N, C-alpha and C. Protein backbone atom coordinates (compact mmCIF):
# COMPACT_ATOMS: atom_id res chain seq x y z
N MET A 1 -29.78 -4.75 0.37
CA MET A 1 -29.17 -3.54 -0.17
C MET A 1 -27.99 -4.30 -0.32
N PHE A 2 -27.08 -4.02 -1.35
CA PHE A 2 -25.62 -4.53 -1.76
C PHE A 2 -24.32 -3.67 -1.17
N TRP A 3 -23.60 -4.19 -0.55
CA TRP A 3 -22.76 -3.33 -0.25
C TRP A 3 -21.19 -3.26 -0.73
N ASN A 4 -20.60 -2.58 -1.84
CA ASN A 4 -19.27 -2.09 -2.42
C ASN A 4 -18.11 -2.60 -1.44
N ARG A 5 -17.41 -3.82 -1.19
CA ARG A 5 -16.74 -4.04 -0.29
C ARG A 5 -15.68 -4.65 -1.18
N LYS A 6 -14.85 -3.49 -0.55
CA LYS A 6 -12.99 -3.65 -1.36
C LYS A 6 -12.92 -5.47 -1.01
N PRO A 7 -11.57 -5.69 -1.94
CA PRO A 7 -11.04 -6.82 -1.52
C PRO A 7 -9.70 -6.55 -0.55
N TYR A 8 -9.63 -5.33 -0.13
CA TYR A 8 -8.09 -5.17 0.12
C TYR A 8 -8.35 -4.06 1.43
N LYS A 9 -7.73 -3.86 2.34
CA LYS A 9 -7.57 -3.07 3.24
C LYS A 9 -6.21 -1.89 3.05
N VAL A 10 -6.36 -1.01 3.75
CA VAL A 10 -5.23 0.06 3.91
C VAL A 10 -5.48 0.60 5.19
N ARG A 11 -4.46 0.20 6.59
CA ARG A 11 -4.59 0.91 7.06
C ARG A 11 -2.97 1.57 7.62
N PRO A 12 -3.43 3.13 7.55
CA PRO A 12 -2.18 3.86 8.05
C PRO A 12 -1.32 3.59 9.87
N THR A 13 0.08 3.48 9.70
CA THR A 13 0.21 2.98 10.92
C THR A 13 1.68 4.04 11.37
N GLY A 14 1.09 5.67 11.71
CA GLY A 14 1.70 6.29 12.02
C GLY A 14 1.50 7.71 10.87
N ARG A 15 2.93 8.14 10.92
CA ARG A 15 3.72 9.00 10.00
C ARG A 15 4.70 8.51 8.77
N ALA A 16 5.10 7.15 9.39
CA ALA A 16 5.86 6.38 8.51
C ALA A 16 5.76 5.32 7.78
N GLY A 17 4.31 4.79 7.75
CA GLY A 17 3.81 3.42 7.13
C GLY A 17 2.54 2.97 6.41
N LEU A 18 2.15 2.17 6.16
CA LEU A 18 0.75 1.97 5.72
C LEU A 18 0.50 0.20 5.85
N VAL A 19 0.00 -0.74 6.55
CA VAL A 19 -0.25 -1.76 6.31
C VAL A 19 -1.54 -2.03 5.76
N TYR A 20 -0.90 -2.91 4.30
CA TYR A 20 -2.07 -3.42 3.32
C TYR A 20 -2.18 -5.06 3.34
N SER A 21 -3.02 -5.21 3.12
CA SER A 21 -4.10 -6.46 3.35
C SER A 21 -4.82 -6.88 2.30
N GLU A 22 -4.64 -8.04 1.50
CA GLU A 22 -5.63 -8.56 0.99
C GLU A 22 -5.89 -9.97 1.60
N GLY A 23 -6.99 -10.35 2.01
CA GLY A 23 -7.14 -11.71 2.67
C GLY A 23 -6.50 -12.22 3.45
N GLU A 24 -5.49 -13.36 3.49
CA GLU A 24 -4.63 -13.29 4.70
C GLU A 24 -3.01 -12.68 4.29
N ARG A 25 -3.31 -12.17 3.42
CA ARG A 25 -1.64 -11.88 3.25
C ARG A 25 -1.76 -10.31 3.16
N THR A 26 -0.25 -9.83 4.13
CA THR A 26 -0.15 -8.17 4.49
C THR A 26 1.08 -7.90 4.37
N VAL A 27 1.33 -6.26 4.17
CA VAL A 27 2.56 -5.68 3.77
C VAL A 27 2.90 -4.73 4.33
N HIS A 28 3.96 -4.15 5.20
CA HIS A 28 3.76 -2.97 5.73
C HIS A 28 4.85 -2.73 4.86
N ILE A 29 4.01 -1.11 4.75
CA ILE A 29 4.96 -0.27 3.28
C ILE A 29 4.98 0.88 4.08
N PHE A 30 6.46 1.44 3.77
CA PHE A 30 7.40 2.36 4.05
C PHE A 30 6.62 3.35 3.57
N SER A 31 6.18 4.61 4.55
CA SER A 31 5.78 5.82 3.48
C SER A 31 5.95 7.12 4.28
N GLU A 32 6.51 8.80 3.41
CA GLU A 32 5.88 9.53 4.42
C GLU A 32 5.19 10.34 3.88
N LEU A 33 4.53 11.24 4.96
CA LEU A 33 3.75 12.17 4.30
C LEU A 33 4.64 13.81 4.15
N LEU A 34 4.56 14.07 2.99
CA LEU A 34 5.11 15.23 2.64
C LEU A 34 4.11 16.51 2.74
N PHE A 35 4.55 17.73 3.12
CA PHE A 35 3.82 19.08 2.92
C PHE A 35 4.54 20.22 2.19
N GLY A 36 3.72 20.87 1.39
CA GLY A 36 4.23 22.15 0.49
C GLY A 36 4.61 21.71 -0.35
N GLY A 37 4.71 21.10 -0.55
CA GLY A 37 4.95 20.23 -2.18
C GLY A 37 4.09 20.18 -2.87
N GLU A 38 4.57 19.48 -4.35
CA GLU A 38 3.74 18.54 -5.19
C GLU A 38 2.86 17.66 -4.73
N TYR A 39 3.29 16.67 -3.88
CA TYR A 39 2.71 15.62 -3.71
C TYR A 39 2.51 15.87 -1.96
N ASP A 40 1.91 14.69 -1.39
CA ASP A 40 1.29 14.73 -0.23
C ASP A 40 1.76 13.83 0.51
N ALA A 41 2.15 12.07 -0.51
CA ALA A 41 3.17 11.59 0.21
C ALA A 41 3.79 10.78 -0.33
N VAL A 42 4.70 10.38 0.31
CA VAL A 42 5.93 9.50 -0.89
C VAL A 42 5.89 8.05 -0.34
N VAL A 43 5.67 6.88 -1.14
CA VAL A 43 5.17 5.65 -0.98
C VAL A 43 6.51 4.90 -1.44
N TYR A 44 7.29 4.24 -0.56
CA TYR A 44 8.41 3.41 -1.11
C TYR A 44 8.13 2.22 -1.15
N ILE A 45 6.82 1.48 -2.43
CA ILE A 45 6.85 0.45 -3.29
C ILE A 45 8.13 -0.35 -3.18
N SER A 46 8.84 0.19 -3.86
CA SER A 46 9.84 -0.27 -4.25
C SER A 46 10.83 -1.30 -3.09
N ARG A 47 10.41 -1.20 -2.06
CA ARG A 47 11.42 -1.48 -0.85
C ARG A 47 10.58 -2.87 -0.63
N VAL A 48 9.58 -2.64 -1.38
CA VAL A 48 8.83 -4.13 -0.86
C VAL A 48 9.07 -5.67 -2.21
N GLN A 49 9.47 -6.57 -1.09
CA GLN A 49 9.61 -7.89 -1.88
C GLN A 49 8.68 -9.10 -1.45
N HIS A 50 8.76 -8.81 -0.35
CA HIS A 50 7.92 -10.11 0.23
C HIS A 50 6.23 -9.56 0.80
N TRP A 51 5.60 -10.31 0.58
CA TRP A 51 4.62 -10.53 1.58
C TRP A 51 4.90 -10.72 3.07
N ASP A 52 4.23 -10.21 3.86
CA ASP A 52 4.29 -10.35 5.75
C ASP A 52 4.33 -11.84 6.17
N SER A 53 5.05 -12.26 7.27
CA SER A 53 4.93 -13.74 7.72
C SER A 53 2.99 -14.30 7.92
N PRO A 54 2.93 -15.19 7.66
CA PRO A 54 3.47 -15.99 7.25
C PRO A 54 3.63 -16.04 6.13
N ASN A 55 3.40 -15.21 5.30
CA ASN A 55 3.35 -15.49 3.98
C ASN A 55 4.59 -14.36 3.43
N ASP A 56 5.75 -14.98 4.09
CA ASP A 56 6.99 -14.42 3.43
C ASP A 56 7.57 -14.91 2.48
N GLN A 57 7.04 -16.03 2.49
CA GLN A 57 8.01 -16.73 1.00
C GLN A 57 7.57 -16.62 0.10
N ASP A 58 6.20 -15.77 -0.16
CA ASP A 58 5.33 -15.29 -1.53
C ASP A 58 5.94 -14.06 -2.02
N ARG A 59 7.16 -14.62 -2.90
CA ARG A 59 7.57 -12.98 -3.37
C ARG A 59 6.38 -12.56 -3.88
N LEU A 60 6.63 -10.61 -3.85
CA LEU A 60 5.16 -10.48 -4.33
C LEU A 60 5.91 -9.67 -5.96
N ALA A 61 5.00 -10.32 -6.93
CA ALA A 61 5.39 -10.31 -8.02
C ALA A 61 4.94 -9.00 -8.76
N GLU A 62 5.21 -8.69 -10.15
CA GLU A 62 4.56 -7.28 -10.53
C GLU A 62 3.69 -6.76 -10.80
N ASP A 63 2.76 -7.63 -10.85
CA ASP A 63 1.40 -7.70 -11.04
C ASP A 63 0.82 -7.18 -9.24
N ASP A 64 1.49 -7.84 -8.82
CA ASP A 64 1.37 -7.45 -7.10
C ASP A 64 1.10 -5.95 -6.65
N ILE A 65 2.19 -6.04 -6.67
CA ILE A 65 3.22 -4.31 -7.11
C ILE A 65 1.98 -3.46 -7.40
N GLU A 66 1.99 -3.53 -9.13
CA GLU A 66 0.76 -2.80 -9.56
C GLU A 66 -0.64 -2.85 -9.22
N ARG A 67 -0.85 -3.85 -8.64
CA ARG A 67 -2.30 -3.88 -8.56
C ARG A 67 -2.58 -3.29 -7.07
N ILE A 68 -1.25 -3.50 -5.93
CA ILE A 68 -0.85 -2.31 -4.70
C ILE A 68 -1.16 -0.91 -5.12
N LYS A 69 0.16 -0.92 -6.05
CA LYS A 69 -0.38 0.52 -6.43
C LYS A 69 -1.55 0.80 -6.68
N LYS A 70 -2.52 0.48 -7.60
CA LYS A 70 -3.82 1.27 -7.75
C LYS A 70 -4.84 1.54 -6.94
N ASN A 71 -4.53 0.14 -5.90
CA ASN A 71 -5.31 0.12 -4.72
C ASN A 71 -5.29 1.27 -3.67
N LEU A 72 -4.22 1.53 -4.18
CA LEU A 72 -3.44 2.60 -3.07
C LEU A 72 -3.91 4.05 -3.57
N CYS A 73 -4.14 4.17 -4.75
CA CYS A 73 -4.43 5.52 -4.92
C CYS A 73 -5.58 5.75 -5.15
N ASN A 74 -6.48 4.39 -5.28
CA ASN A 74 -7.74 4.08 -4.33
C ASN A 74 -8.45 4.46 -3.75
N SER A 75 -7.61 3.72 -2.33
CA SER A 75 -7.78 4.49 -1.32
C SER A 75 -7.50 5.64 -0.67
N PHE A 76 -6.70 6.92 -1.51
CA PHE A 76 -6.44 7.91 -0.95
C PHE A 76 -6.88 9.04 -2.27
N THR A 77 -6.96 10.78 -1.68
CA THR A 77 -7.40 11.34 -2.58
C THR A 77 -5.89 11.91 -2.50
N SER A 78 -4.87 11.71 -2.18
CA SER A 78 -4.17 12.44 -2.12
C SER A 78 -3.06 12.46 -3.13
N LYS A 79 -2.08 13.21 -3.68
CA LYS A 79 -1.12 12.93 -4.75
C LYS A 79 0.21 12.42 -4.29
N ILE A 80 0.54 10.71 -4.81
CA ILE A 80 1.45 10.24 -4.10
C ILE A 80 2.57 10.13 -5.39
N GLU A 81 3.61 10.00 -4.62
CA GLU A 81 4.73 9.73 -4.97
C GLU A 81 5.20 8.62 -5.20
N TRP A 82 5.32 7.96 -6.22
CA TRP A 82 6.59 6.52 -5.95
C TRP A 82 7.75 6.36 -6.00
N ALA A 83 8.57 5.59 -4.91
CA ALA A 83 9.69 5.68 -4.97
C ALA A 83 10.32 4.45 -4.14
């Protein structure tokens, strides 16, 4: 039997954050849950510029940001506002 294993992980860190991981690299992303509006969450992806330590000297490229956004969308069924 084959398992469809994702090459990334997304873990919430309470009401105001996510930890996104790809292999050995991780990044903390500030987010907020919203209630009663058009969107269920806002993810402040524009605030993220580097991977977390020990890879903090690796700047997130535009294709990294787009891949992270796509993977976050695939991980949640909520409507997300990107900021």
